[in-house]
Structures are given as C-alpha cells and as structure tokens.
Amino acid sequence: MNDYVSLKVKRDHGVSYYFHDYPSRGRTTKIVSTYFPELMKDGTYRSIDDFTGARVRATDVTAIKFPVLLDPIDDLPPATVITHVRRVSGKLIVRGVTSDNGTVKRVLVNGVTARAVRENFAEWEAVLNEPRGRKMKLTAHAEDVAGNVEKRTHEKWVR
C-alpha cells in the first residue's frame, strides 16, 4: 500500500485506512500517508515489509470495530404462479410456486391458506371447493415474513 496522489493535488485532509484482521485475526492495522504526520500521533508508526510503501506508515490499533457496511432490509414482495389445477372428488387441487428473496410467510389461493409442499413455499398446494357448472377465477398471492405482500396476484380461470 502506498500514497500515489500527485504532489500537484492539494491535500487538506489525510485519510486513515484500517485493515481488520491484519496481520492476524483479531488485530487491526492502521495505515496513514507520511504527508499527514498529525494523523500519526496515536501510535508508533513503522514500515511493514511487503505491505507498506515509501509514503505510508502503519501501526497496530485496538478497539476499532469493523464497520457495518450494509444493513439491508427486505422490501421486495414474493412472486407467485399457479402452475396447474385438477379436480378430485368435488375439490380443486391448485398447485403453484412462489419465489422470494427471504422467507415466505404464507400463500393464499382465493383466501384459502396453501400448504408448502417444498421448503419456503417453493411449491405449494391449496384445496378449494369445486365450482359446480360455472367458471371460477383463481387468484394466488404470497406474503413474506418481512410483511411484503404481493401486489399483482396470479389469476387463472377454470371451468
């Protein structure tokens, strides 16, 4: 590591670099440019062979927590598709798939809770009463544990 900023560039403020778990697990090394000696008052700075260049120095530091780089939230709803429907003894067996970037809480088909056939509702099945002699619109949608509800339900007409 080295400081390669051109001498023509005005440098008002230095930057410290922290290497967590270097040179070994649980240790932290701080690197500072030699152009900013005021940033080197918190330790004994030195060169480290095969790590620091001519224009930077390093020191061991303690109690530097690794920063939380991301604290992502799940804000995407699941996606559901009805894959097939079959009739068995006056019932409609509705099967489908659901995909989500987190954990699926439930899948509903016409308000009836589906049961997971595979983990996380990757495949599911719902049993509904068969409509006698009329068309029926099936709608399926899912909700994940983060509270995201699928806005566009999948619809399929059956006779």
N, C-alpha and C. Protein backbone atom coordinates (compact mmCIF):
# COMPACT_ATOMS: atom_id res chain seq x y z
N MET A 1 0.85 -1.16 0.00
CA MET A 1 0.00 0.00 0.00
C MET A 1 0.90 1.23 0.00
N ASN A 2 0.49 2.26 -0.77
CA ASN A 2 1.29 3.48 -0.82
C ASN A 2 0.40 4.66 -1.13
N ASP A 3 0.92 5.86 -0.98
CA ASP A 3 0.22 7.10 -1.30
C ASP A 3 0.71 7.57 -2.65
N TYR A 4 -0.14 7.45 -3.66
CA TYR A 4 0.27 7.80 -5.02
C TYR A 4 -0.40 9.07 -5.52
N VAL A 5 -0.88 9.91 -4.62
CA VAL A 5 -1.51 11.17 -5.04
C VAL A 5 -0.41 12.11 -5.52
N SER A 6 -0.65 12.71 -6.65
CA SER A 6 0.32 13.63 -7.24
C SER A 6 0.60 14.79 -6.28
N LEU A 7 1.83 15.26 -6.27
CA LEU A 7 2.18 16.41 -5.43
C LEU A 7 1.48 17.67 -5.91
N LYS A 8 0.94 17.67 -7.12
CA LYS A 8 0.22 18.83 -7.64
C LYS A 8 -1.19 18.93 -7.07
N VAL A 9 -1.68 17.85 -6.48
CA VAL A 9 -3.02 17.84 -5.91
C VAL A 9 -2.95 18.40 -4.49
N LYS A 10 -3.81 19.38 -4.20
CA LYS A 10 -3.84 19.98 -2.88
C LYS A 10 -4.46 18.98 -1.90
N ARG A 11 -3.75 18.75 -0.80
CA ARG A 11 -4.20 17.78 0.20
C ARG A 11 -4.45 18.49 1.52
N ASP A 12 -5.70 18.78 1.78
CA ASP A 12 -6.04 19.44 3.03
C ASP A 12 -6.23 18.45 4.18
N HIS A 13 -6.72 17.26 3.84
CA HIS A 13 -7.05 16.29 4.88
C HIS A 13 -6.49 14.92 4.49
N GLY A 14 -5.94 14.27 5.46
CA GLY A 14 -5.44 12.92 5.23
C GLY A 14 -6.53 11.89 5.46
N VAL A 15 -6.25 10.69 5.03
CA VAL A 15 -7.19 9.58 5.20
C VAL A 15 -6.46 8.44 5.88
N SER A 16 -7.12 7.85 6.84
CA SER A 16 -6.57 6.68 7.52
C SER A 16 -7.27 5.45 6.95
N TYR A 17 -6.50 4.38 6.76
CA TYR A 17 -7.04 3.12 6.26
C TYR A 17 -6.88 2.08 7.37
N TYR A 18 -7.93 1.34 7.61
CA TYR A 18 -7.91 0.32 8.64
C TYR A 18 -8.03 -1.06 8.00
N PHE A 19 -7.12 -1.95 8.33
CA PHE A 19 -7.13 -3.31 7.82
C PHE A 19 -7.46 -4.24 8.98
N HIS A 20 -8.72 -4.65 9.02
CA HIS A 20 -9.18 -5.53 10.09
C HIS A 20 -8.67 -6.94 9.84
N ASP A 21 -8.31 -7.61 10.93
CA ASP A 21 -7.75 -8.96 10.90
C ASP A 21 -6.42 -9.02 10.15
N TYR A 22 -5.68 -7.92 10.20
CA TYR A 22 -4.33 -7.90 9.64
C TYR A 22 -3.37 -7.42 10.71
N PRO A 23 -2.28 -8.04 10.95
CA PRO A 23 -1.69 -9.17 10.22
C PRO A 23 -2.25 -10.53 10.64
N SER A 24 -3.12 -10.55 11.66
CA SER A 24 -3.72 -11.81 12.07
C SER A 24 -5.12 -11.54 12.60
N ARG A 25 -5.89 -12.60 12.75
CA ARG A 25 -7.28 -12.49 13.20
C ARG A 25 -7.35 -11.76 14.54
N GLY A 26 -8.28 -10.80 14.61
CA GLY A 26 -8.48 -10.06 15.85
C GLY A 26 -7.61 -8.82 15.99
N ARG A 27 -6.69 -8.61 15.07
CA ARG A 27 -5.82 -7.43 15.11
C ARG A 27 -6.23 -6.47 14.00
N THR A 28 -5.94 -5.20 14.20
CA THR A 28 -6.24 -4.17 13.20
C THR A 28 -5.00 -3.32 12.98
N THR A 29 -4.69 -3.07 11.71
CA THR A 29 -3.56 -2.22 11.33
C THR A 29 -4.09 -0.95 10.69
N LYS A 30 -3.56 0.19 11.16
CA LYS A 30 -3.95 1.49 10.62
C LYS A 30 -2.81 2.00 9.74
N ILE A 31 -3.15 2.47 8.53
CA ILE A 31 -2.17 3.00 7.57
C ILE A 31 -2.47 4.47 7.35
N VAL A 32 -1.41 5.31 7.36
CA VAL A 32 -1.54 6.75 7.15
C VAL A 32 -0.42 7.22 6.22
N SER A 33 -0.74 8.19 5.38
CA SER A 33 0.26 8.80 4.49
C SER A 33 1.26 9.61 5.31
N THR A 34 2.53 9.56 4.90
CA THR A 34 3.56 10.35 5.58
C THR A 34 3.36 11.85 5.36
N TYR A 35 2.50 12.23 4.43
CA TYR A 35 2.19 13.65 4.21
C TYR A 35 1.32 14.22 5.33
N PHE A 36 0.82 13.38 6.21
CA PHE A 36 -0.06 13.83 7.29
C PHE A 36 0.44 13.32 8.64
N PRO A 37 1.58 13.84 9.10
CA PRO A 37 2.14 13.36 10.37
C PRO A 37 1.21 13.61 11.55
N GLU A 38 0.32 14.60 11.46
CA GLU A 38 -0.61 14.87 12.57
C GLU A 38 -1.58 13.71 12.80
N LEU A 39 -1.75 12.84 11.79
CA LEU A 39 -2.61 11.67 11.95
C LEU A 39 -1.87 10.49 12.58
N MET A 40 -0.57 10.68 12.86
CA MET A 40 0.24 9.58 13.40
C MET A 40 0.63 9.81 14.85
N LYS A 41 -0.20 10.51 15.60
CA LYS A 41 0.12 10.78 17.00
C LYS A 41 -0.48 9.76 17.95
N ASP A 42 -1.20 8.77 17.41
CA ASP A 42 -1.89 7.81 18.27
C ASP A 42 -1.17 6.47 18.37
N GLY A 43 0.07 6.41 17.92
CA GLY A 43 0.78 5.14 17.99
C GLY A 43 2.19 5.26 17.46
N THR A 44 2.87 4.15 17.42
CA THR A 44 4.22 4.08 16.89
C THR A 44 4.12 3.55 15.47
N TYR A 45 4.33 4.45 14.50
CA TYR A 45 4.17 4.09 13.09
C TYR A 45 5.48 3.59 12.51
N ARG A 46 5.38 2.61 11.63
CA ARG A 46 6.55 1.98 11.06
C ARG A 46 6.23 1.45 9.67
N SER A 47 7.25 1.09 8.94
CA SER A 47 7.08 0.40 7.65
C SER A 47 6.89 -1.08 7.94
N ILE A 48 6.11 -1.75 7.09
CA ILE A 48 5.93 -3.19 7.19
C ILE A 48 6.35 -3.78 5.85
N ASP A 49 7.35 -4.65 5.89
CA ASP A 49 7.85 -5.26 4.65
C ASP A 49 6.72 -5.92 3.86
N ASP A 50 6.73 -5.73 2.56
CA ASP A 50 5.76 -6.31 1.63
C ASP A 50 4.33 -5.85 1.89
N PHE A 51 4.16 -4.75 2.64
CA PHE A 51 2.81 -4.24 2.89
C PHE A 51 2.74 -2.72 2.70
N THR A 52 3.64 -1.99 3.32
CA THR A 52 3.62 -0.52 3.18
C THR A 52 4.67 -0.08 2.17
N GLY A 53 4.31 1.00 1.46
CA GLY A 53 5.25 1.59 0.51
C GLY A 53 6.04 2.70 1.17
N ALA A 54 6.78 3.46 0.33
CA ALA A 54 7.67 4.50 0.82
C ALA A 54 6.94 5.67 1.46
N ARG A 55 5.68 5.90 1.09
CA ARG A 55 4.97 7.10 1.54
C ARG A 55 3.86 6.85 2.56
N VAL A 56 3.84 5.67 3.16
CA VAL A 56 2.86 5.39 4.21
C VAL A 56 3.53 4.67 5.37
N ARG A 57 2.90 4.77 6.54
CA ARG A 57 3.38 4.07 7.72
C ARG A 57 2.19 3.38 8.38
N ALA A 58 2.50 2.38 9.19
CA ALA A 58 1.45 1.57 9.81
C ALA A 58 1.67 1.47 11.32
N THR A 59 0.56 1.25 12.03
CA THR A 59 0.61 0.97 13.47
C THR A 59 -0.51 0.01 13.81
N ASP A 60 -0.34 -0.71 14.92
CA ASP A 60 -1.41 -1.57 15.43
C ASP A 60 -2.34 -0.70 16.25
N VAL A 61 -3.63 -0.90 16.09
CA VAL A 61 -4.63 -0.16 16.87
C VAL A 61 -5.57 -1.17 17.52
N THR A 62 -6.21 -0.74 18.60
CA THR A 62 -7.15 -1.61 19.31
C THR A 62 -8.51 -0.95 19.39
N ALA A 63 -9.48 -1.73 19.71
CA ALA A 63 -10.86 -1.27 19.93
C ALA A 63 -11.45 -0.57 18.72
N ILE A 64 -11.04 -1.00 17.53
CA ILE A 64 -11.64 -0.46 16.31
C ILE A 64 -12.61 -1.53 15.79
N LYS A 65 -13.89 -1.25 15.90
CA LYS A 65 -14.89 -2.22 15.44
C LYS A 65 -14.99 -2.17 13.93
N PHE A 66 -15.19 -3.33 13.34
CA PHE A 66 -15.42 -3.39 11.91
C PHE A 66 -16.74 -2.69 11.62
N PRO A 67 -16.76 -1.77 10.66
CA PRO A 67 -17.99 -1.01 10.40
C PRO A 67 -19.08 -1.87 9.78
N VAL A 68 -20.31 -1.52 10.08
CA VAL A 68 -21.45 -2.16 9.42
C VAL A 68 -21.57 -1.51 8.06
N LEU A 69 -21.27 -2.28 7.03
CA LEU A 69 -21.27 -1.71 5.69
C LEU A 69 -22.67 -1.60 5.12
N LEU A 70 -23.49 -2.59 5.39
CA LEU A 70 -24.86 -2.58 4.91
C LEU A 70 -25.78 -3.10 6.00
N ASP A 71 -26.93 -2.56 6.06
CA ASP A 71 -27.97 -3.09 6.93
C ASP A 71 -29.21 -3.24 6.06
N PRO A 72 -29.17 -4.24 5.16
CA PRO A 72 -30.24 -4.35 4.17
C PRO A 72 -31.58 -4.71 4.79
N ILE A 73 -32.62 -4.26 4.13
CA ILE A 73 -33.98 -4.61 4.53
C ILE A 73 -34.64 -5.31 3.35
N ASP A 74 -35.55 -6.18 3.65
CA ASP A 74 -36.31 -6.88 2.62
C ASP A 74 -37.51 -6.01 2.27
N ASP A 75 -37.48 -5.40 1.11
CA ASP A 75 -38.60 -4.57 0.69
C ASP A 75 -39.20 -5.05 -0.64
N LEU A 76 -38.89 -6.29 -1.01
CA LEU A 76 -39.42 -6.86 -2.25
C LEU A 76 -40.45 -7.93 -1.93
N PRO A 77 -41.62 -7.85 -2.57
CA PRO A 77 -42.64 -8.86 -2.31
C PRO A 77 -42.33 -10.17 -3.04
N PRO A 78 -42.93 -11.26 -2.58
CA PRO A 78 -42.77 -12.53 -3.28
C PRO A 78 -43.46 -12.50 -4.65
N ALA A 79 -43.19 -13.52 -5.45
CA ALA A 79 -43.84 -13.70 -6.75
C ALA A 79 -44.44 -15.10 -6.78
N THR A 80 -45.70 -15.18 -7.20
CA THR A 80 -46.44 -16.44 -7.16
C THR A 80 -47.01 -16.76 -8.52
N VAL A 81 -47.00 -18.05 -8.87
CA VAL A 81 -47.58 -18.52 -10.14
C VAL A 81 -48.37 -19.80 -9.86
N ILE A 82 -49.59 -19.85 -10.37
CA ILE A 82 -50.39 -21.08 -10.34
C ILE A 82 -49.88 -21.94 -11.50
N THR A 83 -49.44 -23.15 -11.19
CA THR A 83 -48.88 -24.00 -12.25
C THR A 83 -49.88 -24.99 -12.82
N HIS A 84 -50.78 -25.50 -11.99
CA HIS A 84 -51.83 -26.37 -12.54
C HIS A 84 -52.96 -26.56 -11.54
N VAL A 85 -54.10 -26.97 -12.11
CA VAL A 85 -55.31 -27.19 -11.34
C VAL A 85 -55.89 -28.53 -11.77
N ARG A 86 -56.33 -29.33 -10.80
CA ARG A 86 -57.00 -30.58 -11.15
C ARG A 86 -58.19 -30.79 -10.23
N ARG A 87 -59.14 -31.57 -10.72
CA ARG A 87 -60.35 -31.86 -9.96
C ARG A 87 -60.24 -33.26 -9.35
N VAL A 88 -60.58 -33.34 -8.06
CA VAL A 88 -60.58 -34.62 -7.37
C VAL A 88 -61.75 -34.63 -6.39
N SER A 89 -62.71 -35.49 -6.64
CA SER A 89 -63.84 -35.69 -5.71
C SER A 89 -64.50 -34.39 -5.28
N GLY A 90 -64.87 -33.55 -6.24
CA GLY A 90 -65.57 -32.31 -5.93
C GLY A 90 -64.69 -31.20 -5.38
N LYS A 91 -63.40 -31.39 -5.44
CA LYS A 91 -62.46 -30.38 -4.96
C LYS A 91 -61.55 -29.95 -6.10
N LEU A 92 -61.03 -28.73 -5.99
CA LEU A 92 -59.99 -28.25 -6.91
C LEU A 92 -58.67 -28.30 -6.15
N ILE A 93 -57.72 -29.02 -6.71
CA ILE A 93 -56.37 -29.06 -6.15
C ILE A 93 -55.55 -28.06 -6.97
N VAL A 94 -55.20 -26.97 -6.35
CA VAL A 94 -54.46 -25.89 -7.02
C VAL A 94 -53.02 -25.98 -6.56
N ARG A 95 -52.10 -26.06 -7.54
CA ARG A 95 -50.68 -26.12 -7.22
C ARG A 95 -49.97 -24.94 -7.85
N GLY A 96 -48.85 -24.55 -7.23
CA GLY A 96 -48.09 -23.44 -7.77
C GLY A 96 -46.72 -23.32 -7.14
N VAL A 97 -46.05 -22.24 -7.50
CA VAL A 97 -44.71 -21.95 -6.99
C VAL A 97 -44.67 -20.50 -6.52
N THR A 98 -43.82 -20.26 -5.54
CA THR A 98 -43.59 -18.91 -5.04
C THR A 98 -42.10 -18.72 -4.85
N SER A 99 -41.64 -17.53 -5.17
CA SER A 99 -40.23 -17.20 -5.03
C SER A 99 -40.11 -15.89 -4.25
N ASP A 100 -39.10 -15.83 -3.39
CA ASP A 100 -38.88 -14.60 -2.62
C ASP A 100 -37.41 -14.54 -2.23
N ASN A 101 -36.92 -13.33 -1.95
CA ASN A 101 -35.54 -13.16 -1.51
C ASN A 101 -35.38 -13.35 -0.01
N GLY A 102 -36.45 -13.74 0.64
CA GLY A 102 -36.43 -14.01 2.07
C GLY A 102 -37.30 -15.20 2.37
N THR A 103 -37.91 -15.17 3.53
CA THR A 103 -38.76 -16.28 3.96
C THR A 103 -40.22 -15.95 3.68
N VAL A 104 -40.91 -16.86 3.01
CA VAL A 104 -42.33 -16.69 2.71
C VAL A 104 -43.14 -17.07 3.94
N LYS A 105 -44.07 -16.20 4.32
CA LYS A 105 -44.91 -16.45 5.49
C LYS A 105 -46.10 -17.32 5.12
N ARG A 106 -46.76 -16.97 4.01
CA ARG A 106 -47.93 -17.75 3.59
C ARG A 106 -48.29 -17.46 2.14
N VAL A 107 -49.03 -18.40 1.56
CA VAL A 107 -49.59 -18.25 0.22
C VAL A 107 -51.10 -18.44 0.36
N LEU A 108 -51.85 -17.56 -0.27
CA LEU A 108 -53.31 -17.65 -0.24
C LEU A 108 -53.84 -17.86 -1.65
N VAL A 109 -54.79 -18.77 -1.78
CA VAL A 109 -55.47 -19.01 -3.04
C VAL A 109 -56.96 -18.79 -2.77
N ASN A 110 -57.52 -17.74 -3.36
CA ASN A 110 -58.91 -17.36 -3.10
C ASN A 110 -59.20 -17.29 -1.60
N GLY A 111 -58.24 -16.77 -0.85
CA GLY A 111 -58.41 -16.62 0.59
C GLY A 111 -58.10 -17.85 1.41
N VAL A 112 -57.85 -18.98 0.76
CA VAL A 112 -57.55 -20.23 1.46
C VAL A 112 -56.02 -20.36 1.58
N THR A 113 -55.55 -20.67 2.78
CA THR A 113 -54.12 -20.82 3.01
C THR A 113 -53.61 -22.10 2.36
N ALA A 114 -52.58 -21.96 1.55
CA ALA A 114 -51.95 -23.11 0.90
C ALA A 114 -50.97 -23.76 1.85
N ARG A 115 -50.69 -25.03 1.60
CA ARG A 115 -49.66 -25.71 2.40
C ARG A 115 -48.40 -25.83 1.55
N ALA A 116 -47.27 -25.68 2.20
CA ALA A 116 -45.99 -25.78 1.50
C ALA A 116 -45.71 -27.25 1.18
N VAL A 117 -45.42 -27.53 -0.08
CA VAL A 117 -45.02 -28.87 -0.50
C VAL A 117 -43.50 -28.98 -0.47
N ARG A 118 -42.83 -27.87 -0.73
CA ARG A 118 -41.37 -27.78 -0.62
C ARG A 118 -41.04 -26.61 0.30
N GLU A 119 -39.83 -26.61 0.79
CA GLU A 119 -39.38 -25.57 1.72
C GLU A 119 -39.62 -24.17 1.17
N ASN A 120 -40.06 -23.27 2.07
CA ASN A 120 -40.27 -21.85 1.76
C ASN A 120 -41.29 -21.64 0.65
N PHE A 121 -42.24 -22.55 0.53
CA PHE A 121 -43.31 -22.45 -0.47
C PHE A 121 -42.79 -22.45 -1.90
N ALA A 122 -41.59 -23.04 -2.10
CA ALA A 122 -41.07 -23.15 -3.46
C ALA A 122 -42.09 -23.89 -4.33
N GLU A 123 -42.83 -24.81 -3.72
CA GLU A 123 -44.02 -25.42 -4.33
C GLU A 123 -45.07 -25.47 -3.24
N TRP A 124 -46.31 -25.25 -3.61
CA TRP A 124 -47.39 -25.25 -2.64
C TRP A 124 -48.64 -25.87 -3.25
N GLU A 125 -49.63 -26.14 -2.37
CA GLU A 125 -50.89 -26.74 -2.81
C GLU A 125 -52.02 -26.20 -1.95
N ALA A 126 -53.14 -25.90 -2.58
CA ALA A 126 -54.35 -25.47 -1.86
C ALA A 126 -55.51 -26.30 -2.36
N VAL A 127 -56.42 -26.60 -1.45
CA VAL A 127 -57.60 -27.39 -1.80
C VAL A 127 -58.82 -26.49 -1.64
N LEU A 128 -59.58 -26.33 -2.74
CA LEU A 128 -60.78 -25.48 -2.75
C LEU A 128 -61.99 -26.32 -3.13
N ASN A 129 -63.17 -25.84 -2.75
CA ASN A 129 -64.39 -26.48 -3.22
C ASN A 129 -64.55 -26.20 -4.71
N GLU A 130 -64.95 -27.22 -5.47
CA GLU A 130 -65.09 -27.08 -6.92
C GLU A 130 -66.37 -26.30 -7.23
N PRO A 131 -66.27 -25.33 -8.14
CA PRO A 131 -67.48 -24.62 -8.56
C PRO A 131 -68.30 -25.55 -9.46
N ARG A 132 -69.56 -25.68 -9.20
CA ARG A 132 -70.38 -26.60 -9.98
C ARG A 132 -71.05 -25.85 -11.12
N GLY A 133 -70.65 -26.24 -12.32
CA GLY A 133 -71.30 -25.70 -13.52
C GLY A 133 -71.03 -24.23 -13.82
N ARG A 134 -70.00 -23.65 -13.26
CA ARG A 134 -69.70 -22.25 -13.56
C ARG A 134 -68.19 -22.04 -13.58
N LYS A 135 -67.81 -20.95 -14.24
CA LYS A 135 -66.40 -20.58 -14.26
C LYS A 135 -66.01 -20.00 -12.91
N MET A 136 -64.76 -20.18 -12.59
CA MET A 136 -64.25 -19.64 -11.32
C MET A 136 -62.88 -19.02 -11.57
N LYS A 137 -62.70 -17.83 -11.04
CA LYS A 137 -61.39 -17.17 -11.14
C LYS A 137 -60.58 -17.52 -9.90
N LEU A 138 -59.41 -18.13 -10.12
CA LEU A 138 -58.48 -18.42 -9.03
C LEU A 138 -57.48 -17.27 -8.93
N THR A 139 -57.22 -16.83 -7.74
CA THR A 139 -56.19 -15.81 -7.52
C THR A 139 -55.26 -16.32 -6.42
N ALA A 140 -53.99 -16.16 -6.66
CA ALA A 140 -52.99 -16.60 -5.68
C ALA A 140 -51.98 -15.49 -5.45
N HIS A 141 -51.63 -15.29 -4.20
CA HIS A 141 -50.59 -14.33 -3.85
C HIS A 141 -49.93 -14.76 -2.55
N ALA A 142 -48.75 -14.18 -2.27
CA ALA A 142 -47.99 -14.56 -1.09
C ALA A 142 -47.62 -13.34 -0.27
N GLU A 143 -47.22 -13.63 0.97
CA GLU A 143 -46.72 -12.61 1.90
C GLU A 143 -45.45 -13.17 2.53
N ASP A 144 -44.44 -12.32 2.70
CA ASP A 144 -43.21 -12.81 3.34
C ASP A 144 -43.16 -12.36 4.80
N VAL A 145 -42.20 -12.89 5.54
CA VAL A 145 -42.12 -12.57 6.97
C VAL A 145 -41.76 -11.11 7.23
N ALA A 146 -41.21 -10.43 6.24
CA ALA A 146 -40.89 -9.00 6.39
C ALA A 146 -42.14 -8.13 6.23
N GLY A 147 -43.27 -8.76 5.87
CA GLY A 147 -44.53 -8.01 5.71
C GLY A 147 -44.82 -7.56 4.30
N ASN A 148 -43.99 -7.95 3.34
CA ASN A 148 -44.24 -7.59 1.94
C ASN A 148 -45.33 -8.50 1.37
N VAL A 149 -46.35 -7.88 0.81
CA VAL A 149 -47.46 -8.62 0.21
C VAL A 149 -47.41 -8.43 -1.29
N GLU A 150 -47.53 -9.53 -1.99
CA GLU A 150 -47.52 -9.50 -3.45
C GLU A 150 -48.67 -8.63 -3.95
N LYS A 151 -48.35 -7.64 -4.77
CA LYS A 151 -49.37 -6.69 -5.25
C LYS A 151 -50.12 -7.21 -6.48
N ARG A 152 -49.43 -7.95 -7.32
CA ARG A 152 -50.06 -8.49 -8.53
C ARG A 152 -50.32 -9.98 -8.33
N THR A 153 -51.54 -10.31 -7.99
CA THR A 153 -51.88 -11.71 -7.80
C THR A 153 -51.87 -12.42 -9.14
N HIS A 154 -51.57 -13.71 -9.10
CA HIS A 154 -51.66 -14.51 -10.32
C HIS A 154 -53.09 -15.00 -10.43
N GLU A 155 -53.67 -14.83 -11.62
CA GLU A 155 -55.07 -15.21 -11.83
C GLU A 155 -55.16 -16.27 -12.91
N LYS A 156 -56.09 -17.20 -12.69
CA LYS A 156 -56.33 -18.25 -13.66
C LYS A 156 -57.81 -18.62 -13.60
N TRP A 157 -58.43 -18.70 -14.75
CA TRP A 157 -59.85 -19.09 -14.84
C TRP A 157 -59.93 -20.58 -15.04
N VAL A 158 -60.89 -21.20 -14.32
CA VAL A 158 -61.17 -22.63 -14.51
C VAL A 158 -62.66 -22.79 -14.75
N ARG A 159 -63.02 -23.84 -15.48
CA ARG A 159 -64.42 -24.15 -15.74
C ARG A 159 -64.85 -25.33 -14.92
